[in-house]
């Protein structure tokens, strides 16, 4: 089931969502918007799926 969540595999990985969330954080920073919620989501996901961010530039 695609919408189910399992304790052993929380978070999002793949090629697009980690890259896109980091890019969106950069846009928010550049325009002066608050980004705390999205930054917290990315930080939590980095702990859950560290391999998803290999090769991506940090914000």
PDB file of N, CA and C in Angstrom:
ATOM      1  N   UNK A   1       0.852  -1.177   0.000  1.00  0.00           N
ATOM      2  CA  UNK A   1       0.000   0.000   0.000  1.00  0.00           C
ATOM      3  C   UNK A   1       0.899   1.242   0.000  1.00  0.00           C
ATOM      4  N   UNK A   2       0.703   2.110  -0.940  1.00  0.00           N
ATOM      5  CA  UNK A   2       1.556   3.276  -1.130  1.00  0.00           C
ATOM      6  C   UNK A   2       1.438   4.302  -0.004  1.00  0.00           C
ATOM      7  N   UNK A   3       0.284   4.454   0.608  1.00  0.00           N
ATOM      8  CA  UNK A   3       0.093   5.495   1.617  1.00  0.00           C
ATOM      9  C   UNK A   3       0.414   5.030   3.029  1.00  0.00           C
ATOM     10  N   UNK A   4       0.804   3.794   3.200  1.00  0.00           N
ATOM     11  CA  UNK A   4       1.120   3.283   4.532  1.00  0.00           C
ATOM     12  C   UNK A   4       2.488   3.789   4.985  1.00  0.00           C
ATOM     13  N   UNK A   5       2.668   3.911   6.290  1.00  0.00           N
ATOM     14  CA  UNK A   5       3.954   4.314   6.863  1.00  0.00           C
ATOM     15  C   UNK A   5       4.403   3.226   7.834  1.00  0.00           C
ATOM     16  N   UNK A   6       5.659   2.861   7.744  1.00  0.00           N
ATOM     17  CA  UNK A   6       6.221   1.854   8.622  1.00  0.00           C
ATOM     18  C   UNK A   6       7.299   2.503   9.467  1.00  0.00           C
ATOM     19  N   UNK A   7       7.371   2.098  10.706  1.00  0.00           N
ATOM     20  CA  UNK A   7       8.347   2.678  11.637  1.00  0.00           C
ATOM     21  C   UNK A   7       9.773   2.529  11.132  1.00  0.00           C
ATOM     22  N   UNK A   8      10.070   1.443  10.455  1.00  0.00           N
ATOM     23  CA  UNK A   8      11.438   1.211   9.998  1.00  0.00           C
ATOM     24  C   UNK A   8      11.780   1.942   8.701  1.00  0.00           C
ATOM     25  N   UNK A   9      10.821   2.551   8.036  1.00  0.00           N
ATOM     26  CA  UNK A   9      11.136   3.256   6.789  1.00  0.00           C
ATOM     27  C   UNK A   9      10.335   4.547   6.661  1.00  0.00           C
ATOM     28  N   UNK A  10      10.525   5.429   7.588  1.00  0.00           N
ATOM     29  CA  UNK A  10       9.857   6.735   7.515  1.00  0.00           C
ATOM     30  C   UNK A  10      10.717   7.692   6.703  1.00  0.00           C
ATOM     31  N   UNK A  11      10.102   8.727   6.206  1.00  0.00           N
ATOM     32  CA  UNK A  11      10.835   9.725   5.440  1.00  0.00           C
ATOM     33  C   UNK A  11      10.600   9.556   3.956  1.00  0.00           C
ATOM     34  N   UNK A  12      11.232  10.429   3.184  1.00  0.00           N
ATOM     35  CA  UNK A  12      11.105  10.369   1.735  1.00  0.00           C
ATOM     36  C   UNK A  12      12.489  10.358   1.122  1.00  0.00           C
ATOM     37  N   UNK A  13      12.626   9.586   0.082  1.00  0.00           N
ATOM     38  CA  UNK A  13      13.906   9.534  -0.621  1.00  0.00           C
ATOM     39  C   UNK A  13      13.617   9.495  -2.113  1.00  0.00           C
ATOM     40  N   UNK A  14      14.534   9.010  -2.873  1.00  0.00           N
ATOM     41  CA  UNK A  14      14.356   9.033  -4.309  1.00  0.00           C
ATOM     42  C   UNK A  14      15.192  10.144  -4.917  1.00  0.00           C
ATOM     43  N   UNK A  15      14.893  10.479  -6.144  1.00  0.00           N
ATOM     44  CA  UNK A  15      15.704  11.471  -6.843  1.00  0.00           C
ATOM     45  C   UNK A  15      15.119  12.880  -6.761  1.00  0.00           C
ATOM     46  N   UNK A  16      13.822  13.021  -6.676  1.00  0.00           N
ATOM     47  CA  UNK A  16      13.211  14.339  -6.846  1.00  0.00           C
ATOM     48  C   UNK A  16      12.853  15.061  -5.552  1.00  0.00           C
ATOM     49  N   UNK A  17      12.162  14.405  -4.654  1.00  0.00           N
ATOM     50  CA  UNK A  17      11.644  15.136  -3.494  1.00  0.00           C
ATOM     51  C   UNK A  17      12.760  15.720  -2.628  1.00  0.00           C
ATOM     52  N   UNK A  18      13.824  14.982  -2.270  1.00  0.00           N
ATOM     53  CA  UNK A  18      14.891  15.626  -1.492  1.00  0.00           C
ATOM     54  C   UNK A  18      15.510  16.820  -2.222  1.00  0.00           C
ATOM     55  N   UNK A  19      15.758  16.658  -3.522  1.00  0.00           N
ATOM     56  CA  UNK A  19      16.344  17.746  -4.325  1.00  0.00           C
ATOM     57  C   UNK A  19      15.411  18.948  -4.377  1.00  0.00           C
ATOM     58  N   UNK A  20      14.139  18.688  -4.594  1.00  0.00           N
ATOM     59  CA  UNK A  20      13.171  19.771  -4.717  1.00  0.00           C
ATOM     60  C   UNK A  20      12.940  20.501  -3.402  1.00  0.00           C
ATOM     61  N   UNK A  21      12.941  19.775  -2.284  1.00  0.00           N
ATOM     62  CA  UNK A  21      12.754  20.459  -0.996  1.00  0.00           C
ATOM     63  C   UNK A  21      13.952  21.346  -0.680  1.00  0.00           C
ATOM     64  N   UNK A  22      15.162  20.879  -1.012  1.00  0.00           N
ATOM     65  CA  UNK A  22      16.336  21.737  -0.795  1.00  0.00           C
ATOM     66  C   UNK A  22      16.280  22.977  -1.676  1.00  0.00           C
ATOM     67  N   UNK A  23      15.843  22.813  -2.915  1.00  0.00           N
ATOM     68  CA  UNK A  23      15.721  23.963  -3.816  1.00  0.00           C
ATOM     69  C   UNK A  23      14.672  24.946  -3.302  1.00  0.00           C
ATOM     70  N   UNK A  24      13.566  24.433  -2.807  1.00  0.00           N
ATOM     71  CA  UNK A  24      12.514  25.300  -2.272  1.00  0.00           C
ATOM     72  C   UNK A  24      13.013  26.056  -1.044  1.00  0.00           C
ATOM     73  N   UNK A  25      13.818  25.416  -0.203  1.00  0.00           N
ATOM     74  CA  UNK A  25      14.414  26.124   0.938  1.00  0.00           C
ATOM     75  C   UNK A  25      15.278  27.287   0.469  1.00  0.00           C
ATOM     76  N   UNK A  26      16.051  27.081  -0.584  1.00  0.00           N
ATOM     77  CA  UNK A  26      16.890  28.159  -1.140  1.00  0.00           C
ATOM     78  C   UNK A  26      16.028  29.334  -1.618  1.00  0.00           C
ATOM     79  N   UNK A  27      14.909  29.026  -2.266  1.00  0.00           N
ATOM     80  CA  UNK A  27      14.003  30.079  -2.745  1.00  0.00           C
ATOM     81  C   UNK A  27      13.453  30.853  -1.557  1.00  0.00           C
ATOM     82  N   UNK A  28      13.013  30.143  -0.526  1.00  0.00           N
ATOM     83  CA  UNK A  28      12.476  30.820   0.659  1.00  0.00           C
ATOM     84  C   UNK A  28      13.526  31.723   1.291  1.00  0.00           C
ATOM     85  N   UNK A  29      14.749  31.212   1.426  1.00  0.00           N
ATOM     86  CA  UNK A  29      15.827  32.016   2.006  1.00  0.00           C
ATOM     87  C   UNK A  29      16.092  33.263   1.171  1.00  0.00           C
ATOM     88  N   UNK A  30      16.142  33.095  -0.133  1.00  0.00           N
ATOM     89  CA  UNK A  30      16.448  34.209  -1.033  1.00  0.00           C
ATOM     90  C   UNK A  30      15.393  35.299  -1.029  1.00  0.00           C
ATOM     91  N   UNK A  31      14.171  34.927  -0.695  1.00  0.00           N
ATOM     92  CA  UNK A  31      13.083  35.910  -0.697  1.00  0.00           C
ATOM     93  C   UNK A  31      12.726  36.397   0.701  1.00  0.00           C
ATOM     94  N   UNK A  32      13.439  35.917   1.694  1.00  0.00           N
ATOM     95  CA  UNK A  32      13.229  36.397   3.053  1.00  0.00           C
ATOM     96  C   UNK A  32      12.035  35.787   3.776  1.00  0.00           C
ATOM     97  N   UNK A  33      11.506  34.686   3.268  1.00  0.00           N
ATOM     98  CA  UNK A  33      10.372  34.041   3.923  1.00  0.00           C
ATOM     99  C   UNK A  33      10.849  33.163   5.070  1.00  0.00           C
ATOM    100  N   UNK A  34       9.954  32.920   6.000  1.00  0.00           N
ATOM    101  CA  UNK A  34      10.260  32.000   7.093  1.00  0.00           C
ATOM    102  C   UNK A  34      10.277  30.578   6.547  1.00  0.00           C
ATOM    103  N   UNK A  35      11.238  29.803   6.992  1.00  0.00           N
ATOM    104  CA  UNK A  35      11.413  28.458   6.447  1.00  0.00           C
ATOM    105  C   UNK A  35      11.565  27.399   7.530  1.00  0.00           C
ATOM    106  N   UNK A  36      11.235  27.728   8.757  1.00  0.00           N
ATOM    107  CA  UNK A  36      11.500  26.833   9.876  1.00  0.00           C
ATOM    108  C   UNK A  36      10.818  25.476   9.741  1.00  0.00           C
ATOM    109  N   UNK A  37       9.574  25.458   9.309  1.00  0.00           N
ATOM    110  CA  UNK A  37       8.856  24.188   9.218  1.00  0.00           C
ATOM    111  C   UNK A  37       9.482  23.286   8.154  1.00  0.00           C
ATOM    112  N   UNK A  38       9.717  23.821   6.966  1.00  0.00           N
ATOM    113  CA  UNK A  38      10.312  23.014   5.905  1.00  0.00           C
ATOM    114  C   UNK A  38      11.735  22.599   6.277  1.00  0.00           C
ATOM    115  N   UNK A  39      12.486  23.480   6.914  1.00  0.00           N
ATOM    116  CA  UNK A  39      13.847  23.139   7.341  1.00  0.00           C
ATOM    117  C   UNK A  39      13.818  21.998   8.359  1.00  0.00           C
ATOM    118  N   UNK A  40      12.845  22.000   9.262  1.00  0.00           N
ATOM    119  CA  UNK A  40      12.714  20.923  10.242  1.00  0.00           C
ATOM    120  C   UNK A  40      12.347  19.603   9.566  1.00  0.00           C
ATOM    121  N   UNK A  41      11.488  19.655   8.558  1.00  0.00           N
ATOM    122  CA  UNK A  41      11.113  18.447   7.819  1.00  0.00           C
ATOM    123  C   UNK A  41      12.333  17.863   7.118  1.00  0.00           C
ATOM    124  N   UNK A  42      13.118  18.714   6.469  1.00  0.00           N
ATOM    125  CA  UNK A  42      14.317  18.249   5.773  1.00  0.00           C
ATOM    126  C   UNK A  42      15.317  17.677   6.778  1.00  0.00           C
ATOM    127  N   UNK A  43      15.503  18.340   7.917  1.00  0.00           N
ATOM    128  CA  UNK A  43      16.440  17.845   8.929  1.00  0.00           C
ATOM    129  C   UNK A  43      16.015  16.467   9.425  1.00  0.00           C
ATOM    130  N   UNK A  44      14.734  16.286   9.668  1.00  0.00           N
ATOM    131  CA  UNK A  44      14.225  14.990  10.124  1.00  0.00           C
ATOM    132  C   UNK A  44      14.395  13.934   9.035  1.00  0.00           C
ATOM    133  N   UNK A  45      14.152  14.317   7.804  1.00  0.00           N
ATOM    134  CA  UNK A  45      14.295  13.362   6.718  1.00  0.00           C
ATOM    135  C   UNK A  45      15.751  12.977   6.484  1.00  0.00           C
ATOM    136  N   UNK A  46      16.668  13.910   6.717  1.00  0.00           N
ATOM    137  CA  UNK A  46      18.093  13.587   6.591  1.00  0.00           C
ATOM    138  C   UNK A  46      18.482  12.492   7.568  1.00  0.00           C
ATOM    139  N   UNK A  47      17.885  12.523   8.759  1.00  0.00           N
ATOM    140  CA  UNK A  47      18.170  11.469   9.738  1.00  0.00           C
ATOM    141  C   UNK A  47      17.523  10.144   9.325  1.00  0.00           C
ATOM    142  N   UNK A  48      16.326  10.219   8.748  1.00  0.00           N
ATOM    143  CA  UNK A  48      15.598   9.008   8.361  1.00  0.00           C
ATOM    144  C   UNK A  48      16.155   8.382   7.085  1.00  0.00           C
ATOM    145  N   UNK A  49      16.572   9.218   6.139  1.00  0.00           N
ATOM    146  CA  UNK A  49      17.033   8.744   4.819  1.00  0.00           C
ATOM    147  C   UNK A  49      18.307   9.466   4.411  1.00  0.00           C
ATOM    148  N   UNK A  50      19.403   9.239   5.131  1.00  0.00           N
ATOM    149  CA  UNK A  50      20.620  10.005   4.829  1.00  0.00           C
ATOM    150  C   UNK A  50      21.136   9.816   3.406  1.00  0.00           C
ATOM    151  N   UNK A  51      20.923   8.674   2.812  1.00  0.00           N
ATOM    152  CA  UNK A  51      21.393   8.428   1.454  1.00  0.00           C
ATOM    153  C   UNK A  51      20.681   9.258   0.412  1.00  0.00           C
ATOM    154  N   UNK A  52      19.492   9.765   0.745  1.00  0.00           N
ATOM    155  CA  UNK A  52      18.707  10.553  -0.215  1.00  0.00           C
ATOM    156  C   UNK A  52      19.374  11.893  -0.535  1.00  0.00           C
ATOM    157  N   UNK A  53      20.292  12.337   0.317  1.00  0.00           N
ATOM    158  CA  UNK A  53      20.903  13.659   0.135  1.00  0.00           C
ATOM    159  C   UNK A  53      22.354  13.579  -0.327  1.00  0.00           C
ATOM    160  N   UNK A  54      22.819  12.375  -0.636  1.00  0.00           N
ATOM    161  CA  UNK A  54      24.200  12.235  -1.113  1.00  0.00           C
ATOM    162  C   UNK A  54      24.366  12.984  -2.422  1.00  0.00           C
ATOM    163  N   UNK A  55      25.366  13.838  -2.498  1.00  0.00           N
ATOM    164  CA  UNK A  55      25.627  14.581  -3.719  1.00  0.00           C
ATOM    165  C   UNK A  55      24.837  15.863  -3.871  1.00  0.00           C
ATOM    166  N   UNK A  56      23.920  16.137  -2.936  1.00  0.00           N
ATOM    167  CA  UNK A  56      23.143  17.368  -3.008  1.00  0.00           C
ATOM    168  C   UNK A  56      23.789  18.437  -2.155  1.00  0.00           C
ATOM    169  N   UNK A  57      23.761  19.657  -2.628  1.00  0.00           N
ATOM    170  CA  UNK A  57      24.365  20.777  -1.912  1.00  0.00           C
ATOM    171  C   UNK A  57      23.466  21.199  -0.769  1.00  0.00           C
ATOM    172  N   UNK A  58      24.063  21.417   0.403  1.00  0.00           N
ATOM    173  CA  UNK A  58      23.293  21.871   1.572  1.00  0.00           C
ATOM    174  C   UNK A  58      22.822  23.294   1.386  1.00  0.00           C
ATOM    175  N   UNK A  59      21.740  23.599   2.114  1.00  0.00           N
ATOM    176  CA  UNK A  59      21.218  24.969   2.095  1.00  0.00           C
ATOM    177  C   UNK A  59      21.957  25.785   3.112  1.00  0.00           C
TER     178      UNK A  59
END
